[in-house]
Amino acid sequence: MKTLRIYQCEDSVDGIFSAIYEAGISGYGHEYIRIMPLNKEQSFEMELFSEYIQVESSEKKVRSVLKAVREKISYEAYNYIMRAAVSSEPDKADVIYQFVTYGFTIGAKVTQAMQLDCVRRIFVINRNVNNEINRFVEIMRFKEVQKSPALLLGVMEPKHRILPMVTEHFADRFNPEWFIIYDITHHEASFHNPDGRWEIRLLTDEEELKLTELNKKEEEYSGLWKIFFDTIAVEERKSHERQRNMIPIHLRKHMIEFANVRSSD
């Protein structure tokens, strides 16, 4: 019986796939390997009789893993693992590793192999991530926080790290606009300029404070949403239960039309 080998990495796409690369080339035996992504504030209890290996993130290793997945498994499998990697699920790294391992053995059929625990699990993780992406694409509201040049700001608090997917959606639709999407949960923001380029970066405390202050500004642009929402509301046809089903209360926090609606509604 071999000792369990645990590869520790940063909790990011680069960190996870760098660890998968190291685990894959080790030849140690997939059943004796675990991938443990950690963020800087996270603590953990070490398991007895386990070997811990620290993995440094490497773009070269990440490119190698993703290229192999696309070429030796399928683009569908590639999409599965990329969605899983941005999730907040604690078992995501192990699930991806096992999924990729089976994929290199049976090829493109792995995405249909629902008899495997890792395939069923990665399917569920993908569904949860996709649902959250779709929800924030639907409910995201932008307010004009600067007139000249016009600057739009959207704020969200997602469970999963879906900022790249949400930004890509709005970059296609707001191509000529300056806009920022601020992810409060993960302390990062995307910045889009009118030539179509955008980037995501982690924010300093000072930058987060500035975005929070910008978000408090009231402009005519955001006021229109509240006026429209109040105007179309017919008291006799209100259904708070249906409204909660369509837009859960915890998602309304940054929706302009709900700014003056009590959470108890």
Protein backbone atom coordinates (compact mmCIF):
# COMPACT_ATOMS: atom_id res chain seq x y z
CA MET A 1 0.00 0.00 0.00
CA LYS A 2 1.48 3.32 -1.11
CA THR A 3 1.46 6.52 0.90
CA LEU A 4 -1.14 9.04 -0.24
CA ARG A 5 0.55 11.84 -2.19
CA ILE A 6 -1.10 15.27 -1.97
CA TYR A 7 -0.14 18.00 -4.44
CA GLN A 8 -0.80 21.44 -2.97
CA CYS A 9 -1.27 24.39 -5.30
CA GLU A 10 -2.82 27.84 -5.37
CA ASP A 11 -6.58 27.91 -5.86
CA SER A 12 -6.57 29.16 -9.44
CA VAL A 13 -6.82 27.75 -12.93
CA ASP A 14 -3.04 27.97 -13.33
CA GLY A 15 -2.41 26.39 -9.94
CA ILE A 16 -4.78 23.45 -10.46
CA PHE A 17 -3.53 22.53 -13.92
CA SER A 18 0.10 22.91 -12.87
CA ALA A 19 -0.57 20.40 -10.08
CA ILE A 20 -2.34 18.06 -12.51
CA TYR A 21 0.71 18.24 -14.79
CA GLU A 22 3.08 17.33 -11.94
CA ALA A 23 0.83 14.51 -10.75
CA GLY A 24 0.43 13.16 -14.26
CA ILE A 25 4.14 12.91 -15.04
CA SER A 26 5.00 11.44 -11.63
CA GLY A 27 3.92 7.92 -12.55
CA TYR A 28 3.03 7.44 -8.89
CA GLY A 29 -0.39 5.91 -9.47
CA HIS A 30 -3.53 7.96 -9.92
CA GLU A 31 -5.45 6.24 -7.13
CA TYR A 32 -2.83 7.40 -4.62
CA ILE A 33 -2.85 11.06 -5.67
CA ARG A 34 -4.93 14.01 -4.47
CA ILE A 35 -4.88 17.64 -5.63
CA MET A 36 -5.36 20.25 -2.90
CA PRO A 37 -5.83 23.88 -4.02
CA LEU A 38 -5.42 26.46 -1.24
CA ASN A 39 -5.83 30.22 -1.06
CA LYS A 40 -3.55 32.38 1.05
CA GLU A 41 -5.95 32.66 3.99
CA GLN A 42 -6.94 29.00 4.04
CA SER A 43 -5.62 26.60 6.66
CA PHE A 44 -5.77 22.80 6.60
CA GLU A 45 -5.10 19.80 8.79
CA MET A 46 -2.34 17.51 7.57
CA GLU A 47 -3.29 13.87 7.14
CA LEU A 48 -1.16 11.23 8.82
CA PHE A 49 0.99 9.03 6.57
CA SER A 50 0.59 11.38 3.61
CA GLU A 51 3.26 13.04 1.50
CA TYR A 52 2.74 16.72 0.67
CA ILE A 53 4.24 18.28 -2.45
CA GLN A 54 4.15 22.03 -3.09
CA VAL A 55 3.51 23.00 -6.72
CA GLU A 56 4.44 26.34 -8.24
CA SER A 57 2.14 27.64 -10.96
CA SER A 58 3.59 27.49 -14.46
CA GLU A 59 2.00 28.72 -17.70
CA LYS A 60 4.04 26.17 -19.63
CA LYS A 61 2.61 23.28 -17.60
CA VAL A 62 -0.93 24.65 -17.94
CA ARG A 63 -0.61 24.99 -21.72
CA SER A 64 0.72 21.43 -21.93
CA VAL A 65 -2.23 19.97 -20.00
CA LEU A 66 -4.89 21.93 -21.87
CA LYS A 67 -3.34 21.19 -25.28
CA ALA A 68 -3.29 17.48 -24.46
CA VAL A 69 -6.94 17.56 -23.36
CA ARG A 70 -8.06 19.26 -26.56
CA GLU A 71 -6.04 16.97 -28.83
CA LYS A 72 -6.26 13.62 -27.05
CA ILE A 73 -9.75 13.85 -25.53
CA SER A 74 -12.04 16.52 -27.00
CA TYR A 75 -13.03 20.19 -26.94
CA GLU A 76 -16.12 19.17 -24.99
CA ALA A 77 -13.89 17.71 -22.28
CA TYR A 78 -11.81 20.90 -22.37
CA ASN A 79 -14.94 22.99 -21.73
CA TYR A 80 -15.92 20.67 -18.88
CA ILE A 81 -12.64 21.09 -17.03
CA MET A 82 -12.44 24.84 -17.60
CA ARG A 83 -15.89 25.36 -16.12
CA ALA A 84 -15.07 23.07 -13.20
CA ALA A 85 -11.80 24.90 -12.51
CA VAL A 86 -13.57 28.22 -11.82
CA SER A 87 -16.10 26.67 -9.44
CA SER A 88 -15.97 27.06 -5.67
CA GLU A 89 -16.55 23.35 -5.04
CA PRO A 90 -13.89 21.97 -2.65
CA ASP A 91 -13.46 18.70 -4.59
CA LYS A 92 -13.08 20.32 -8.02
CA ALA A 93 -9.33 19.68 -8.45
CA ASP A 94 -9.58 15.96 -7.64
CA VAL A 95 -12.60 15.62 -9.91
CA ILE A 96 -10.78 17.31 -12.80
CA TYR A 97 -7.70 15.15 -12.28
CA GLN A 98 -9.66 11.90 -12.29
CA PHE A 99 -11.75 13.05 -15.26
CA VAL A 100 -8.65 13.92 -17.29
CA THR A 101 -6.97 10.64 -16.32
CA TYR A 102 -9.90 8.59 -17.57
CA GLY A 103 -10.10 10.81 -20.65
CA PHE A 104 -6.54 10.03 -21.67
CA THR A 105 -7.48 6.35 -21.44
CA ILE A 106 -10.87 6.21 -23.19
CA GLY A 107 -10.78 9.41 -25.24
CA ALA A 108 -13.77 11.57 -26.18
CA LYS A 109 -16.23 9.01 -24.81
CA VAL A 110 -15.33 10.09 -21.27
CA THR A 111 -17.94 12.88 -21.31
CA GLN A 112 -20.64 10.23 -21.79
CA ALA A 113 -19.28 7.76 -19.23
CA MET A 114 -21.84 8.52 -16.53
CA GLN A 115 -21.03 5.26 -14.76
CA LEU A 116 -17.86 6.97 -13.49
CA ASP A 117 -18.16 9.01 -10.31
CA CYS A 118 -15.86 11.75 -11.56
CA VAL A 119 -17.88 12.20 -14.78
CA ARG A 120 -21.18 12.47 -12.92
CA ARG A 121 -19.61 14.92 -10.48
CA ILE A 122 -18.00 17.15 -13.14
CA PHE A 123 -21.33 17.24 -14.97
CA VAL A 124 -23.03 18.55 -11.81
CA ILE A 125 -20.30 21.14 -11.21
CA ASN A 126 -20.58 22.34 -14.83
CA ARG A 127 -24.34 22.65 -14.52
CA ASN A 128 -24.04 24.72 -11.35
CA VAL A 129 -21.42 27.03 -12.88
CA ASN A 130 -23.38 27.46 -16.11
CA ASN A 131 -26.56 28.22 -14.19
CA GLU A 132 -24.80 30.95 -12.25
CA ILE A 133 -23.26 32.43 -15.41
CA ASN A 134 -26.68 32.56 -17.07
CA ARG A 135 -28.28 34.06 -13.99
CA PHE A 136 -25.76 36.91 -13.73
CA VAL A 137 -25.90 37.58 -17.46
CA GLU A 138 -29.66 38.04 -17.03
CA ILE A 139 -29.64 40.18 -13.88
CA MET A 140 -26.46 42.23 -14.27
CA ARG A 141 -27.23 45.95 -14.13
CA PHE A 142 -24.80 48.69 -15.10
CA LYS A 143 -24.89 52.24 -13.83
CA GLU A 144 -23.21 55.25 -15.39
CA VAL A 145 -20.63 56.39 -12.83
CA GLN A 146 -18.86 58.89 -15.07
CA LYS A 147 -20.18 61.13 -17.83
CA SER A 148 -17.15 62.00 -19.92
CA PRO A 149 -15.92 59.66 -21.08
CA ALA A 150 -18.93 57.53 -20.21
CA LEU A 151 -18.03 54.73 -17.80
CA LEU A 152 -20.38 51.92 -16.81
CA LEU A 153 -20.03 49.87 -13.63
CA GLY A 154 -21.61 46.52 -12.85
CA VAL A 155 -21.29 44.75 -9.51
CA MET A 156 -21.85 41.11 -8.63
CA GLU A 157 -21.25 38.67 -5.78
CA PRO A 158 -21.07 35.22 -7.41
CA LYS A 159 -20.33 31.95 -5.66
CA HIS A 160 -18.07 30.76 -8.46
CA ARG A 161 -15.25 32.60 -10.22
CA ILE A 162 -17.28 33.36 -13.33
CA LEU A 163 -16.06 36.91 -14.03
CA PRO A 164 -14.27 35.95 -17.31
CA MET A 165 -17.41 34.33 -18.76
CA VAL A 166 -19.70 37.18 -17.72
CA THR A 167 -17.24 39.78 -19.04
CA GLU A 168 -16.93 37.97 -22.37
CA HIS A 169 -20.72 38.10 -22.76
CA PHE A 170 -20.94 41.84 -22.16
CA ALA A 171 -17.80 42.59 -24.18
CA ASP A 172 -19.64 41.29 -27.25
CA ARG A 173 -22.67 43.46 -26.53
CA PHE A 174 -21.06 46.62 -25.16
CA ASN A 175 -18.09 46.59 -27.50
CA PRO A 176 -17.74 50.40 -27.91
CA GLU A 177 -18.15 51.12 -24.20
CA TRP A 178 -15.85 51.66 -21.26
CA PHE A 179 -17.08 49.39 -18.50
CA ILE A 180 -15.99 47.68 -15.29
CA ILE A 181 -17.46 44.56 -13.68
CA TYR A 182 -16.56 44.29 -10.01
CA ASP A 183 -16.64 40.82 -8.40
CA ILE A 184 -16.93 41.52 -4.68
CA THR A 185 -16.67 37.87 -3.66
CA HIS A 186 -13.27 37.26 -5.23
CA HIS A 187 -11.86 40.81 -4.90
CA GLU A 188 -11.26 41.23 -8.61
CA ALA A 189 -12.61 43.24 -11.52
CA SER A 190 -12.63 43.21 -15.31
CA PHE A 191 -11.84 46.38 -17.25
CA HIS A 192 -13.12 46.80 -20.81
CA ASN A 193 -12.18 49.60 -23.18
CA PRO A 194 -13.83 50.70 -26.45
CA ASP A 195 -11.35 48.90 -28.72
CA GLY A 196 -12.73 45.58 -27.45
CA ARG A 197 -9.84 44.62 -25.19
CA TRP A 198 -10.42 43.66 -21.58
CA GLU A 199 -8.46 42.25 -18.70
CA ILE A 200 -9.09 40.91 -15.21
CA ARG A 201 -6.96 41.61 -12.20
CA LEU A 202 -7.00 41.19 -8.45
CA LEU A 203 -7.73 44.46 -6.69
CA THR A 204 -5.83 46.21 -3.95
CA ASP A 205 -7.75 47.41 -0.88
CA GLU A 206 -7.53 50.96 -2.22
CA GLU A 207 -8.94 49.96 -5.61
CA GLU A 208 -11.83 48.10 -3.97
CA LEU A 209 -12.63 51.16 -1.88
CA LYS A 210 -12.71 53.35 -5.00
CA LEU A 211 -15.06 50.93 -6.80
CA THR A 212 -17.32 50.79 -3.74
CA GLU A 213 -17.50 54.59 -3.72
CA LEU A 214 -18.25 54.66 -7.45
CA ASN A 215 -21.05 52.17 -6.96
CA LYS A 216 -22.73 54.48 -4.44
CA LYS A 217 -23.04 57.29 -6.98
CA GLU A 218 -26.56 57.95 -8.26
CA GLU A 219 -26.83 59.02 -11.90
CA GLU A 220 -29.83 59.52 -14.20
CA TYR A 221 -28.89 56.28 -15.96
CA SER A 222 -29.51 54.17 -12.87
CA GLY A 223 -32.56 56.21 -11.88
CA LEU A 224 -34.31 55.23 -15.10
CA TRP A 225 -34.35 51.59 -14.05
CA LYS A 226 -36.12 52.32 -10.79
CA ILE A 227 -38.65 54.61 -12.49
CA PHE A 228 -39.39 51.98 -15.13
CA PHE A 229 -39.72 49.23 -12.55
CA ASP A 230 -42.14 51.27 -10.42
CA THR A 231 -44.17 52.42 -13.44
CA ILE A 232 -44.93 48.97 -14.88
CA ALA A 233 -45.80 47.46 -11.48
CA VAL A 234 -49.52 46.75 -11.11
CA GLU A 235 -50.39 46.32 -7.45
CA GLU A 236 -53.16 43.80 -8.04
CA ARG A 237 -50.91 41.56 -10.12
CA LYS A 238 -47.96 41.44 -7.76
CA SER A 239 -46.78 37.94 -6.85
CA HIS A 240 -43.93 38.09 -4.37
CA GLU A 241 -43.61 34.32 -4.24
CA ARG A 242 -43.17 34.07 -8.01
CA GLN A 243 -40.77 36.99 -7.95
CA ARG A 244 -38.62 35.27 -5.32
CA ASN A 245 -38.58 32.10 -7.44
CA MET A 246 -37.45 34.00 -10.52
CA ILE A 247 -34.96 36.30 -8.76
CA PRO A 248 -33.91 35.07 -5.29
CA ILE A 249 -33.56 37.79 -2.67
CA HIS A 250 -29.79 37.30 -2.27
CA LEU A 251 -29.28 38.18 -5.96
CA ARG A 252 -31.18 41.48 -5.82
CA LYS A 253 -28.57 43.38 -3.83
CA HIS A 254 -26.94 44.98 -6.88
CA MET A 255 -30.02 45.22 -9.12
CA ILE A 256 -30.93 48.88 -9.52
CA GLU A 257 -34.68 48.31 -9.84
CA PHE A 258 -34.71 46.64 -6.41
CA ALA A 259 -32.76 49.40 -4.70
CA ASN A 260 -35.81 50.68 -2.84
CA VAL A 261 -37.62 47.39 -2.43
CA ARG A 262 -37.57 45.87 1.05
CA SER A 263 -35.86 42.45 1.20
CA SER A 264 -38.94 41.15 3.02
CA ASP A 265 -40.88 41.62 -0.21
